[in-house]
């Protein structure tokens, strides 16, 4: 991956860009859901893409592709540079980037040790009885990113994440329906903090 991103940066510079930024991201994980205590779904998922930002001729352009293949990425670089040059013609002044302290950084967080299906089945047991509908969905995935720039920045990160959605509907013929939704999510340190504070319990 590093070689592909560096080639993309160098290609953008060769096309006349004064600044090139190439970002790669991949997300992959698993998800599961139950509805009224019954199995609804379980699935694995993944997505990957590369985004390019370029400054050329005084303008800025952006392009992206949903795959990390050399030919596709280089084509995105070309589009970003062309768009930057076209944008420059519509600007009153050139794009100027701020002066920043650049770094080479790599960091990874510990994995999230959760089984989404077991989680939603367990939490469903804590839901109030008599609900017309109770639906729980959970997913656990990891986001990997690599960012390279033509002025020397190089950042890699690997961050596991967890997400929980709950929908609960109560119905009374004389009163109608009442719905409550919950949304929870976080990364490994935050999940551990919630457990230490005693806020990682049932729904």
N, C-alpha and C. Protein backbone atom coordinates (compact mmCIF):
# COMPACT_ATOMS: atom_id res chain seq x y z
N UNK A 1 0.82 -1.21 0.00
CA UNK A 1 0.00 0.00 0.00
C UNK A 1 0.86 1.27 0.00
N UNK A 2 1.94 1.26 0.78
CA UNK A 2 2.81 2.44 0.83
C UNK A 2 3.36 2.77 -0.54
N UNK A 3 3.78 1.75 -1.29
CA UNK A 3 4.35 1.98 -2.62
C UNK A 3 3.30 2.60 -3.54
N UNK A 4 2.07 2.09 -3.49
CA UNK A 4 1.00 2.63 -4.33
C UNK A 4 0.75 4.11 -4.02
N UNK A 5 0.67 4.44 -2.74
CA UNK A 5 0.39 5.82 -2.36
C UNK A 5 1.54 6.76 -2.74
N UNK A 6 2.78 6.28 -2.58
CA UNK A 6 3.91 7.13 -2.95
C UNK A 6 3.96 7.36 -4.46
N UNK A 7 3.63 6.33 -5.22
CA UNK A 7 3.61 6.49 -6.67
C UNK A 7 2.54 7.50 -7.07
N UNK A 8 1.41 7.47 -6.36
CA UNK A 8 0.33 8.41 -6.66
C UNK A 8 0.77 9.84 -6.36
N UNK A 9 1.45 10.05 -5.23
CA UNK A 9 1.94 11.39 -4.89
C UNK A 9 2.93 11.88 -5.94
N UNK A 10 3.88 11.03 -6.30
CA UNK A 10 4.89 11.42 -7.29
C UNK A 10 4.25 11.70 -8.65
N UNK A 11 3.23 10.94 -8.99
CA UNK A 11 2.55 11.14 -10.28
C UNK A 11 1.86 12.50 -10.30
N UNK A 12 1.22 12.85 -9.21
CA UNK A 12 0.57 14.15 -9.14
C UNK A 12 1.55 15.30 -9.30
N UNK A 13 2.71 15.18 -8.67
CA UNK A 13 3.74 16.21 -8.81
C UNK A 13 4.25 16.29 -10.25
N UNK A 14 4.36 15.14 -10.90
CA UNK A 14 4.83 15.13 -12.29
C UNK A 14 3.84 15.78 -13.24
N UNK A 15 2.57 15.84 -12.83
CA UNK A 15 1.53 16.47 -13.67
C UNK A 15 1.44 17.97 -13.43
N UNK A 16 2.27 18.48 -12.53
CA UNK A 16 2.32 19.91 -12.31
C UNK A 16 1.69 20.38 -11.01
N UNK A 17 1.27 19.47 -10.17
CA UNK A 17 0.70 19.86 -8.88
C UNK A 17 1.79 20.37 -7.95
N UNK A 18 1.46 21.37 -7.15
CA UNK A 18 2.40 21.86 -6.16
C UNK A 18 2.21 21.16 -4.82
N UNK A 19 1.07 20.51 -4.65
CA UNK A 19 0.78 19.77 -3.42
C UNK A 19 -0.13 18.60 -3.78
N UNK A 20 0.18 17.43 -3.23
CA UNK A 20 -0.64 16.23 -3.46
C UNK A 20 -0.83 15.51 -2.14
N UNK A 21 -2.05 15.13 -1.87
CA UNK A 21 -2.38 14.38 -0.66
C UNK A 21 -3.17 13.14 -1.09
N UNK A 22 -2.72 11.96 -0.64
CA UNK A 22 -3.39 10.71 -1.00
C UNK A 22 -3.80 9.99 0.28
N UNK A 23 -5.08 9.67 0.38
CA UNK A 23 -5.62 9.01 1.58
C UNK A 23 -6.22 7.66 1.19
N UNK A 24 -5.77 6.63 1.89
CA UNK A 24 -6.35 5.28 1.72
C UNK A 24 -7.10 4.92 2.99
N UNK A 25 -8.27 4.30 2.83
CA UNK A 25 -9.02 3.84 3.99
C UNK A 25 -9.70 2.50 3.68
N UNK A 26 -9.64 1.62 4.68
CA UNK A 26 -10.33 0.33 4.57
C UNK A 26 -11.09 0.07 5.86
N UNK A 27 -12.36 -0.30 5.72
CA UNK A 27 -13.20 -0.66 6.86
C UNK A 27 -13.69 -2.09 6.66
N UNK A 28 -13.61 -2.90 7.71
CA UNK A 28 -14.10 -4.27 7.63
C UNK A 28 -14.51 -4.78 8.99
N UNK A 29 -15.62 -5.53 9.02
CA UNK A 29 -16.08 -6.05 10.30
C UNK A 29 -17.29 -6.95 10.16
N UNK A 30 -18.00 -7.12 11.24
CA UNK A 30 -19.18 -8.00 11.28
C UNK A 30 -20.32 -7.27 11.98
N UNK A 31 -21.56 -7.71 11.67
CA UNK A 31 -22.75 -7.10 12.26
C UNK A 31 -23.81 -8.18 12.48
N UNK A 32 -24.73 -7.89 13.39
CA UNK A 32 -25.81 -8.83 13.68
C UNK A 32 -27.00 -8.07 14.25
N UNK A 33 -28.19 -8.66 14.13
CA UNK A 33 -29.39 -8.03 14.66
C UNK A 33 -30.40 -9.08 15.08
N UNK A 34 -31.21 -8.73 16.08
CA UNK A 34 -32.35 -9.55 16.49
C UNK A 34 -33.57 -8.64 16.55
N UNK A 35 -34.73 -9.22 16.28
CA UNK A 35 -36.01 -8.49 16.34
C UNK A 35 -36.99 -9.30 17.18
N UNK A 36 -37.47 -8.71 18.23
CA UNK A 36 -38.38 -9.39 19.16
C UNK A 36 -37.81 -10.73 19.63
N UNK A 37 -36.51 -10.72 19.88
CA UNK A 37 -35.85 -11.91 20.39
C UNK A 37 -35.48 -12.94 19.36
N UNK A 38 -35.85 -12.72 18.11
CA UNK A 38 -35.58 -13.68 17.05
C UNK A 38 -34.44 -13.19 16.16
N UNK A 39 -33.63 -14.14 15.73
CA UNK A 39 -32.52 -13.83 14.84
C UNK A 39 -33.02 -13.12 13.59
N UNK A 40 -32.38 -12.01 13.24
CA UNK A 40 -32.75 -11.27 12.04
C UNK A 40 -31.67 -11.31 10.97
N UNK A 41 -30.43 -11.05 11.37
CA UNK A 41 -29.36 -11.06 10.37
C UNK A 41 -28.00 -11.15 11.04
N UNK A 42 -27.04 -11.62 10.27
CA UNK A 42 -25.62 -11.50 10.62
C UNK A 42 -24.87 -11.40 9.31
N UNK A 43 -23.84 -10.60 9.30
CA UNK A 43 -23.13 -10.37 8.04
C UNK A 43 -21.73 -9.86 8.32
N UNK A 44 -20.88 -10.04 7.34
CA UNK A 44 -19.56 -9.42 7.36
C UNK A 44 -19.55 -8.37 6.25
N UNK A 45 -18.72 -7.35 6.41
CA UNK A 45 -18.70 -6.27 5.42
C UNK A 45 -17.31 -5.69 5.32
N UNK A 46 -17.01 -5.12 4.18
CA UNK A 46 -15.74 -4.44 3.98
C UNK A 46 -15.87 -3.42 2.86
N UNK A 47 -15.12 -2.36 2.97
CA UNK A 47 -15.07 -1.35 1.91
C UNK A 47 -13.69 -0.72 1.93
N UNK A 48 -13.29 -0.23 0.77
CA UNK A 48 -11.94 0.31 0.63
C UNK A 48 -11.97 1.40 -0.42
N UNK A 49 -11.15 2.40 -0.24
CA UNK A 49 -11.08 3.45 -1.24
C UNK A 49 -9.87 4.33 -1.06
N UNK A 50 -9.62 5.14 -2.08
CA UNK A 50 -8.50 6.09 -2.06
C UNK A 50 -9.02 7.45 -2.52
N UNK A 51 -8.65 8.49 -1.78
CA UNK A 51 -9.03 9.85 -2.12
C UNK A 51 -7.77 10.66 -2.39
N UNK A 52 -7.88 11.58 -3.34
CA UNK A 52 -6.74 12.40 -3.75
C UNK A 52 -7.14 13.87 -3.69
N UNK A 53 -6.30 14.68 -3.11
CA UNK A 53 -6.48 16.13 -3.11
C UNK A 53 -5.22 16.74 -3.70
N UNK A 54 -5.41 17.68 -4.62
CA UNK A 54 -4.25 18.28 -5.29
C UNK A 54 -4.43 19.78 -5.41
N UNK A 55 -3.32 20.48 -5.30
CA UNK A 55 -3.28 21.92 -5.57
C UNK A 55 -2.43 22.10 -6.81
N UNK A 56 -3.00 22.75 -7.82
CA UNK A 56 -2.27 22.93 -9.08
C UNK A 56 -2.75 24.22 -9.74
N UNK A 57 -1.83 25.02 -10.22
CA UNK A 57 -2.19 26.25 -10.93
C UNK A 57 -2.89 27.27 -10.08
N UNK A 58 -2.87 27.09 -8.76
CA UNK A 58 -3.55 28.02 -7.88
C UNK A 58 -4.93 27.59 -7.45
N UNK A 59 -5.39 26.42 -7.92
CA UNK A 59 -6.69 25.88 -7.53
C UNK A 59 -6.54 24.55 -6.84
N UNK A 60 -7.65 24.05 -6.29
CA UNK A 60 -7.63 22.76 -5.60
C UNK A 60 -8.66 21.83 -6.23
N UNK A 61 -8.27 20.56 -6.38
CA UNK A 61 -9.17 19.56 -6.94
C UNK A 61 -9.19 18.30 -6.09
N UNK A 62 -10.28 17.55 -6.21
CA UNK A 62 -10.46 16.34 -5.40
C UNK A 62 -11.03 15.24 -6.28
N UNK A 63 -10.58 14.02 -6.03
CA UNK A 63 -11.12 12.85 -6.73
C UNK A 63 -10.97 11.63 -5.83
N UNK A 64 -11.79 10.62 -6.05
CA UNK A 64 -11.73 9.40 -5.23
C UNK A 64 -12.17 8.20 -6.04
N UNK A 65 -11.68 7.04 -5.62
CA UNK A 65 -12.07 5.78 -6.26
C UNK A 65 -12.34 4.74 -5.18
N UNK A 66 -13.31 3.82 -5.41
CA UNK A 66 -13.66 2.82 -4.39
C UNK A 66 -12.82 1.56 -4.46
N UNK A 67 -11.57 1.70 -4.80
CA UNK A 67 -10.66 0.54 -4.84
C UNK A 67 -9.23 1.04 -4.75
N UNK A 68 -8.34 0.16 -4.34
CA UNK A 68 -6.94 0.53 -4.20
C UNK A 68 -6.10 -0.20 -5.24
N UNK A 69 -6.38 0.08 -6.49
CA UNK A 69 -5.63 -0.49 -7.60
C UNK A 69 -4.89 0.63 -8.32
N UNK A 70 -3.65 0.36 -8.70
CA UNK A 70 -2.76 1.40 -9.22
C UNK A 70 -3.38 2.18 -10.37
N UNK A 71 -3.91 1.50 -11.37
CA UNK A 71 -4.45 2.18 -12.54
C UNK A 71 -5.59 3.12 -12.15
N UNK A 72 -6.48 2.66 -11.26
CA UNK A 72 -7.61 3.47 -10.82
C UNK A 72 -7.14 4.67 -10.00
N UNK A 73 -6.16 4.46 -9.15
CA UNK A 73 -5.67 5.54 -8.30
C UNK A 73 -4.96 6.61 -9.13
N UNK A 74 -4.15 6.20 -10.07
CA UNK A 74 -3.47 7.17 -10.93
C UNK A 74 -4.47 7.97 -11.76
N UNK A 75 -5.54 7.32 -12.20
CA UNK A 75 -6.59 8.05 -12.93
C UNK A 75 -7.25 9.09 -12.02
N UNK A 76 -7.42 8.75 -10.74
CA UNK A 76 -7.99 9.71 -9.79
C UNK A 76 -7.04 10.89 -9.59
N UNK A 77 -5.74 10.63 -9.57
CA UNK A 77 -4.76 11.70 -9.45
C UNK A 77 -4.89 12.66 -10.64
N UNK A 78 -5.01 12.10 -11.83
CA UNK A 78 -5.16 12.93 -13.03
C UNK A 78 -6.40 13.81 -12.92
N UNK A 79 -7.52 13.23 -12.47
CA UNK A 79 -8.76 14.00 -12.35
C UNK A 79 -8.60 15.13 -11.33
N UNK A 80 -7.97 14.82 -10.21
CA UNK A 80 -7.79 15.83 -9.17
C UNK A 80 -6.95 17.00 -9.67
N UNK A 81 -5.88 16.71 -10.39
CA UNK A 81 -5.02 17.77 -10.91
C UNK A 81 -5.74 18.60 -11.96
N UNK A 82 -6.49 17.93 -12.84
CA UNK A 82 -7.24 18.65 -13.87
C UNK A 82 -8.30 19.55 -13.24
N UNK A 83 -8.99 19.04 -12.23
CA UNK A 83 -10.01 19.85 -11.56
C UNK A 83 -9.39 21.03 -10.84
N UNK A 84 -8.20 20.82 -10.26
CA UNK A 84 -7.51 21.92 -9.58
C UNK A 84 -7.17 23.03 -10.56
N UNK A 85 -6.65 22.67 -11.72
CA UNK A 85 -6.29 23.67 -12.72
C UNK A 85 -7.53 24.38 -13.26
N UNK A 86 -8.62 23.64 -13.42
CA UNK A 86 -9.86 24.26 -13.88
C UNK A 86 -10.42 25.20 -12.83
N UNK A 87 -10.35 24.79 -11.55
CA UNK A 87 -10.85 25.64 -10.47
C UNK A 87 -10.06 26.92 -10.35
N UNK A 88 -8.76 26.85 -10.67
CA UNK A 88 -7.91 28.04 -10.56
C UNK A 88 -8.40 29.16 -11.46
N UNK A 89 -8.97 28.80 -12.61
CA UNK A 89 -9.44 29.82 -13.56
C UNK A 89 -10.65 30.59 -13.03
N UNK A 90 -11.35 29.99 -12.06
CA UNK A 90 -12.55 30.65 -11.52
C UNK A 90 -12.27 31.37 -10.21
N UNK A 91 -11.03 31.31 -9.74
CA UNK A 91 -10.68 31.94 -8.47
C UNK A 91 -10.10 33.34 -8.68
N UNK A 92 -10.33 34.20 -7.68
CA UNK A 92 -9.74 35.54 -7.72
C UNK A 92 -8.28 35.51 -7.28
N UNK A 93 -7.95 34.53 -6.40
CA UNK A 93 -6.58 34.39 -5.93
C UNK A 93 -6.23 32.92 -5.78
N UNK A 94 -4.96 32.60 -5.71
CA UNK A 94 -4.55 31.19 -5.63
C UNK A 94 -4.83 30.58 -4.25
N UNK A 95 -5.03 29.29 -4.23
CA UNK A 95 -5.17 28.55 -2.98
C UNK A 95 -3.84 28.58 -2.24
N UNK A 96 -3.88 28.85 -0.94
CA UNK A 96 -2.66 28.87 -0.14
C UNK A 96 -2.87 27.97 1.08
N UNK A 97 -1.97 27.05 1.30
CA UNK A 97 -2.05 26.16 2.45
C UNK A 97 -1.29 26.76 3.63
N UNK A 98 -1.79 26.51 4.84
CA UNK A 98 -1.14 27.03 6.03
C UNK A 98 0.16 26.28 6.30
N UNK A 99 1.02 26.91 7.05
CA UNK A 99 2.28 26.29 7.45
C UNK A 99 2.02 25.43 8.69
N UNK A 100 2.29 24.14 8.58
CA UNK A 100 2.04 23.22 9.68
C UNK A 100 3.29 22.40 9.98
N UNK A 101 3.37 21.92 11.20
CA UNK A 101 4.44 21.01 11.59
C UNK A 101 4.04 19.61 11.15
N UNK A 102 4.79 19.04 10.22
CA UNK A 102 4.45 17.73 9.65
C UNK A 102 5.07 16.61 10.47
N UNK A 103 4.47 15.44 10.36
CA UNK A 103 4.95 14.32 11.17
C UNK A 103 4.77 13.00 10.44
N UNK A 104 5.54 12.01 10.89
CA UNK A 104 5.36 10.63 10.49
C UNK A 104 4.90 9.87 11.73
N UNK A 105 3.66 9.39 11.70
CA UNK A 105 3.04 8.81 12.88
C UNK A 105 2.35 7.50 12.51
N UNK A 106 2.42 6.53 13.43
CA UNK A 106 1.71 5.27 13.25
C UNK A 106 1.15 4.85 14.60
N UNK A 107 -0.14 4.56 14.65
CA UNK A 107 -0.72 4.11 15.91
C UNK A 107 -1.85 3.11 15.66
N UNK A 108 -2.00 2.18 16.59
CA UNK A 108 -3.05 1.16 16.53
C UNK A 108 -3.64 0.99 17.92
N UNK A 109 -4.95 0.81 18.00
CA UNK A 109 -5.63 0.56 19.26
C UNK A 109 -5.96 -0.92 19.38
N UNK A 110 -6.08 -1.43 20.61
CA UNK A 110 -6.41 -2.86 20.80
C UNK A 110 -7.76 -3.21 20.18
N UNK A 111 -7.91 -4.45 19.80
CA UNK A 111 -9.13 -4.91 19.16
C UNK A 111 -10.32 -4.83 20.13
N UNK A 112 -11.51 -4.64 19.57
CA UNK A 112 -12.75 -4.69 20.34
C UNK A 112 -13.19 -6.14 20.42
N UNK A 113 -13.16 -6.72 21.61
CA UNK A 113 -13.49 -8.13 21.79
C UNK A 113 -14.98 -8.29 22.07
N UNK A 114 -15.79 -8.17 21.03
CA UNK A 114 -17.23 -8.33 21.14
C UNK A 114 -17.76 -9.18 19.99
N UNK A 115 -18.69 -10.08 20.29
CA UNK A 115 -19.41 -10.83 19.27
C UNK A 115 -20.75 -10.13 19.10
N UNK A 116 -21.01 -9.48 17.95
CA UNK A 116 -22.25 -8.73 17.80
C UNK A 116 -23.52 -9.54 18.04
N UNK A 117 -23.54 -10.79 17.59
CA UNK A 117 -24.75 -11.59 17.77
C UNK A 117 -24.98 -11.92 19.25
N UNK A 118 -23.93 -12.31 19.93
CA UNK A 118 -24.08 -12.59 21.36
C UNK A 118 -24.46 -11.33 22.13
N UNK A 119 -23.93 -10.19 21.71
CA UNK A 119 -24.24 -8.93 22.39
C UNK A 119 -25.72 -8.59 22.27
N UNK A 120 -26.26 -8.63 21.06
CA UNK A 120 -27.66 -8.24 20.90
C UNK A 120 -28.61 -9.26 21.53
N UNK A 121 -28.24 -10.53 21.51
CA UNK A 121 -29.08 -11.53 22.17
C UNK A 121 -29.10 -11.31 23.68
N UNK A 122 -27.94 -10.99 24.25
CA UNK A 122 -27.87 -10.75 25.69
C UNK A 122 -28.65 -9.50 26.07
N UNK A 123 -28.46 -8.40 25.33
CA UNK A 123 -29.15 -7.16 25.65
C UNK A 123 -30.66 -7.28 25.48
N UNK A 124 -31.08 -8.10 24.52
CA UNK A 124 -32.52 -8.28 24.33
C UNK A 124 -33.17 -8.84 25.59
N UNK A 125 -32.43 -9.63 26.35
CA UNK A 125 -32.97 -10.19 27.58
C UNK A 125 -33.21 -9.15 28.65
N UNK A 126 -32.59 -7.97 28.52
CA UNK A 126 -32.78 -6.89 29.49
C UNK A 126 -33.89 -5.92 29.09
N UNK A 127 -34.40 -6.05 27.87
CA UNK A 127 -35.43 -5.13 27.42
C UNK A 127 -36.72 -5.36 28.19
N UNK A 128 -37.49 -4.28 28.37
CA UNK A 128 -38.74 -4.38 29.11
C UNK A 128 -39.73 -5.31 28.42
N UNK A 129 -40.50 -6.05 29.20
CA UNK A 129 -41.50 -6.94 28.64
C UNK A 129 -42.70 -6.16 28.13
N UNK A 130 -43.48 -6.78 27.25
CA UNK A 130 -44.70 -6.16 26.75
C UNK A 130 -44.51 -5.17 25.63
N UNK A 131 -43.30 -5.04 25.12
CA UNK A 131 -43.08 -4.12 24.01
C UNK A 131 -43.63 -4.70 22.71
N UNK A 132 -44.21 -3.83 21.88
CA UNK A 132 -44.70 -4.30 20.59
C UNK A 132 -43.54 -4.66 19.66
N UNK A 133 -42.49 -3.88 19.72
CA UNK A 133 -41.32 -4.14 18.89
C UNK A 133 -40.06 -3.82 19.70
N UNK A 134 -39.11 -4.71 19.62
CA UNK A 134 -37.78 -4.42 20.14
C UNK A 134 -36.78 -4.97 19.12
N UNK A 135 -35.91 -4.10 18.67
CA UNK A 135 -34.92 -4.48 17.65
C UNK A 135 -33.57 -3.97 18.09
N UNK A 136 -32.58 -4.84 18.03
CA UNK A 136 -31.21 -4.49 18.42
C UNK A 136 -30.27 -4.88 17.29
N UNK A 137 -29.39 -3.94 16.95
CA UNK A 137 -28.40 -4.15 15.90
C UNK A 137 -27.05 -3.73 16.43
N UNK A 138 -26.02 -4.54 16.20
CA UNK A 138 -24.66 -4.21 16.65
C UNK A 138 -23.66 -4.54 15.55
N UNK A 139 -22.62 -3.76 15.50
CA UNK A 139 -21.54 -4.04 14.55
C UNK A 139 -20.20 -3.73 15.20
N UNK A 140 -19.19 -4.48 14.81
CA UNK A 140 -17.82 -4.30 15.26
C UNK A 140 -16.94 -4.30 14.02
N UNK A 141 -16.13 -3.26 13.86
CA UNK A 141 -15.30 -3.20 12.68
C UNK A 141 -14.01 -2.44 12.98
N UNK A 142 -13.10 -2.51 12.03
CA UNK A 142 -11.81 -1.83 12.17
C UNK A 142 -11.61 -0.90 10.99
N UNK A 143 -11.18 0.32 11.29
CA UNK A 143 -10.86 1.30 10.26
C UNK A 143 -9.36 1.46 10.18
N UNK A 144 -8.82 1.22 9.00
CA UNK A 144 -7.39 1.45 8.74
C UNK A 144 -7.25 2.63 7.78
N UNK A 145 -6.30 3.52 8.07
CA UNK A 145 -6.05 4.67 7.21
C UNK A 145 -4.56 4.88 7.01
N UNK A 146 -4.22 5.36 5.83
CA UNK A 146 -2.85 5.77 5.55
C UNK A 146 -2.93 7.06 4.74
N UNK A 147 -2.25 8.08 5.19
CA UNK A 147 -2.26 9.38 4.52
C UNK A 147 -0.83 9.78 4.22
N UNK A 148 -0.56 10.06 2.95
CA UNK A 148 0.75 10.57 2.53
C UNK A 148 0.55 11.89 1.82
N UNK A 149 1.46 12.83 2.05
CA UNK A 149 1.41 14.10 1.35
C UNK A 149 2.76 14.40 0.71
N UNK A 150 2.72 15.26 -0.28
CA UNK A 150 3.95 15.58 -1.01
C UNK A 150 4.91 16.41 -0.17
N UNK A 151 4.42 17.02 0.92
CA UNK A 151 5.33 17.81 1.75
C UNK A 151 5.84 17.05 2.98
N UNK A 152 5.64 15.73 3.01
CA UNK A 152 6.30 14.91 4.01
C UNK A 152 5.47 14.28 5.10
N UNK A 153 4.18 14.55 5.17
CA UNK A 153 3.35 13.92 6.20
C UNK A 153 3.10 12.46 5.85
N UNK A 154 3.06 11.61 6.86
CA UNK A 154 2.84 10.17 6.68
C UNK A 154 2.18 9.65 7.96
N UNK A 155 0.89 9.37 7.89
CA UNK A 155 0.14 8.96 9.07
C UNK A 155 -0.60 7.66 8.80
N UNK A 156 -0.39 6.68 9.67
CA UNK A 156 -1.11 5.41 9.59
C UNK A 156 -1.86 5.21 10.90
N UNK A 157 -3.10 4.73 10.81
CA UNK A 157 -3.88 4.43 12.01
C UNK A 157 -4.71 3.18 11.79
N UNK A 158 -4.91 2.45 12.89
CA UNK A 158 -5.77 1.27 12.89
C UNK A 158 -6.63 1.36 14.14
N UNK A 159 -7.93 1.62 13.95
CA UNK A 159 -8.82 1.91 15.07
C UNK A 159 -10.04 0.98 15.02
N UNK A 160 -10.16 0.06 15.98
CA UNK A 160 -11.37 -0.77 16.08
C UNK A 160 -12.53 0.06 16.63
N UNK A 161 -13.74 -0.24 16.19
CA UNK A 161 -14.92 0.51 16.61
C UNK A 161 -16.08 -0.44 16.88
N UNK A 162 -17.00 0.01 17.71
CA UNK A 162 -18.21 -0.77 17.99
C UNK A 162 -19.41 0.17 17.94
N UNK A 163 -20.54 -0.36 17.49
CA UNK A 163 -21.76 0.45 17.35
C UNK A 163 -22.97 -0.39 17.75
N UNK A 164 -23.90 0.24 18.46
CA UNK A 164 -25.13 -0.43 18.88
C UNK A 164 -26.32 0.47 18.60
N UNK A 165 -27.34 -0.11 17.97
CA UNK A 165 -28.60 0.60 17.73
C UNK A 165 -29.73 -0.22 18.33
N UNK A 166 -30.62 0.46 19.03
CA UNK A 166 -31.79 -0.21 19.59
C UNK A 166 -33.04 0.57 19.27
N UNK A 167 -34.11 -0.14 18.89
CA UNK A 167 -35.41 0.49 18.64
C UNK A 167 -36.45 -0.24 19.47
N UNK A 168 -37.20 0.51 20.28
CA UNK A 168 -38.19 -0.08 21.17
C UNK A 168 -39.51 0.66 21.00
N UNK A 169 -40.58 -0.09 20.74
CA UNK A 169 -41.90 0.50 20.51
C UNK A 169 -42.91 -0.13 21.46
N UNK A 170 -43.56 0.72 22.21
CA UNK A 170 -44.65 0.28 23.09
C UNK A 170 -45.97 0.78 22.50
N UNK A 171 -47.02 -0.03 22.62
CA UNK A 171 -48.30 0.36 22.03
C UNK A 171 -49.44 0.09 23.00
N UNK A 172 -50.26 1.11 23.18
CA UNK A 172 -51.48 1.00 23.97
C UNK A 172 -52.63 1.48 23.11
N UNK A 173 -53.68 0.66 22.92
CA UNK A 173 -54.78 1.04 22.02
C UNK A 173 -55.37 2.42 22.34
N UNK A 174 -55.45 2.75 23.61
CA UNK A 174 -56.07 4.02 23.98
C UNK A 174 -55.11 5.20 23.91
N UNK A 175 -53.82 4.93 23.90
CA UNK A 175 -52.82 6.00 23.94
C UNK A 175 -52.00 6.11 22.66
N UNK A 176 -52.00 5.07 21.86
CA UNK A 176 -51.18 5.08 20.66
C UNK A 176 -49.83 4.44 20.92
N UNK A 177 -48.83 4.79 20.11
CA UNK A 177 -47.51 4.18 20.18
C UNK A 177 -46.46 5.18 20.65
N UNK A 178 -45.48 4.65 21.34
CA UNK A 178 -44.33 5.43 21.80
C UNK A 178 -43.07 4.69 21.39
N UNK A 179 -42.17 5.39 20.75
CA UNK A 179 -40.93 4.77 20.26
C UNK A 179 -39.72 5.46 20.87
N UNK A 180 -38.75 4.63 21.25
CA UNK A 180 -37.47 5.16 21.72
C UNK A 180 -36.34 4.47 20.97
N UNK A 181 -35.42 5.26 20.47
CA UNK A 181 -34.24 4.74 19.78
C UNK A 181 -33.00 5.07 20.60
N UNK A 182 -32.03 4.17 20.60
CA UNK A 182 -30.75 4.44 21.25
C UNK A 182 -29.63 4.21 20.24
N UNK A 183 -28.58 5.02 20.37
CA UNK A 183 -27.42 4.91 19.51
C UNK A 183 -26.19 5.02 20.40
N UNK A 184 -25.37 4.00 20.40
CA UNK A 184 -24.14 3.99 21.19
C UNK A 184 -22.99 3.55 20.30
N UNK A 185 -21.82 4.11 20.55
CA UNK A 185 -20.67 3.71 19.78
C UNK A 185 -19.39 4.21 20.41
N UNK A 186 -18.28 3.66 19.98
CA UNK A 186 -17.01 4.11 20.52
C UNK A 186 -15.85 3.28 20.02
N UNK A 187 -14.65 3.68 20.44
CA UNK A 187 -13.44 2.95 20.14
C UNK A 187 -12.98 2.24 21.41
N UNK A 188 -11.90 1.49 21.33
CA UNK A 188 -11.48 0.65 22.44
C UNK A 188 -11.29 1.39 23.76
N UNK A 189 -10.53 2.50 23.82
CA UNK A 189 -10.35 3.18 25.11
C UNK A 189 -11.68 3.65 25.70
N UNK A 190 -12.57 4.18 24.88
CA UNK A 190 -13.84 4.69 25.38
C UNK A 190 -14.71 3.55 25.91
N UNK A 191 -14.70 2.40 25.22
CA UNK A 191 -15.48 1.26 25.70
C UNK A 191 -14.98 0.79 27.05
N UNK A 192 -13.66 0.77 27.22
CA UNK A 192 -13.10 0.35 28.51
C UNK A 192 -13.44 1.35 29.60
N UNK A 193 -13.45 2.64 29.25
CA UNK A 193 -13.79 3.66 30.23
C UNK A 193 -15.24 3.50 30.68
N UNK A 194 -16.12 3.20 29.76
CA UNK A 194 -17.52 3.02 30.12
C UNK A 194 -17.69 1.84 31.06
N UNK A 195 -16.91 0.77 30.85
CA UNK A 195 -17.01 -0.39 31.74
C UNK A 195 -16.51 -0.03 33.14
N UNK A 196 -15.40 0.75 33.20
CA UNK A 196 -14.86 1.14 34.51
C UNK A 196 -15.86 2.01 35.26
N UNK A 197 -16.59 2.85 34.52
CA UNK A 197 -17.55 3.73 35.18
C UNK A 197 -18.87 3.05 35.47
N UNK A 198 -19.00 1.78 35.07
CA UNK A 198 -20.22 1.05 35.33
C UNK A 198 -21.37 1.41 34.42
N UNK A 199 -21.03 1.95 33.20
CA UNK A 199 -22.08 2.36 32.28
C UNK A 199 -22.13 1.45 31.08
N UNK A 200 -21.62 0.26 31.19
CA UNK A 200 -21.63 -0.64 30.04
C UNK A 200 -22.67 -1.74 30.18
N UNK A 201 -23.70 -1.52 31.00
CA UNK A 201 -24.68 -2.57 31.28
C UNK A 201 -25.78 -2.67 30.26
N UNK A 202 -26.93 -3.18 30.70
CA UNK A 202 -28.02 -3.50 29.78
C UNK A 202 -28.77 -2.28 29.32
N UNK A 203 -29.66 -2.53 28.36
CA UNK A 203 -30.47 -1.48 27.77
C UNK A 203 -31.74 -1.28 28.61
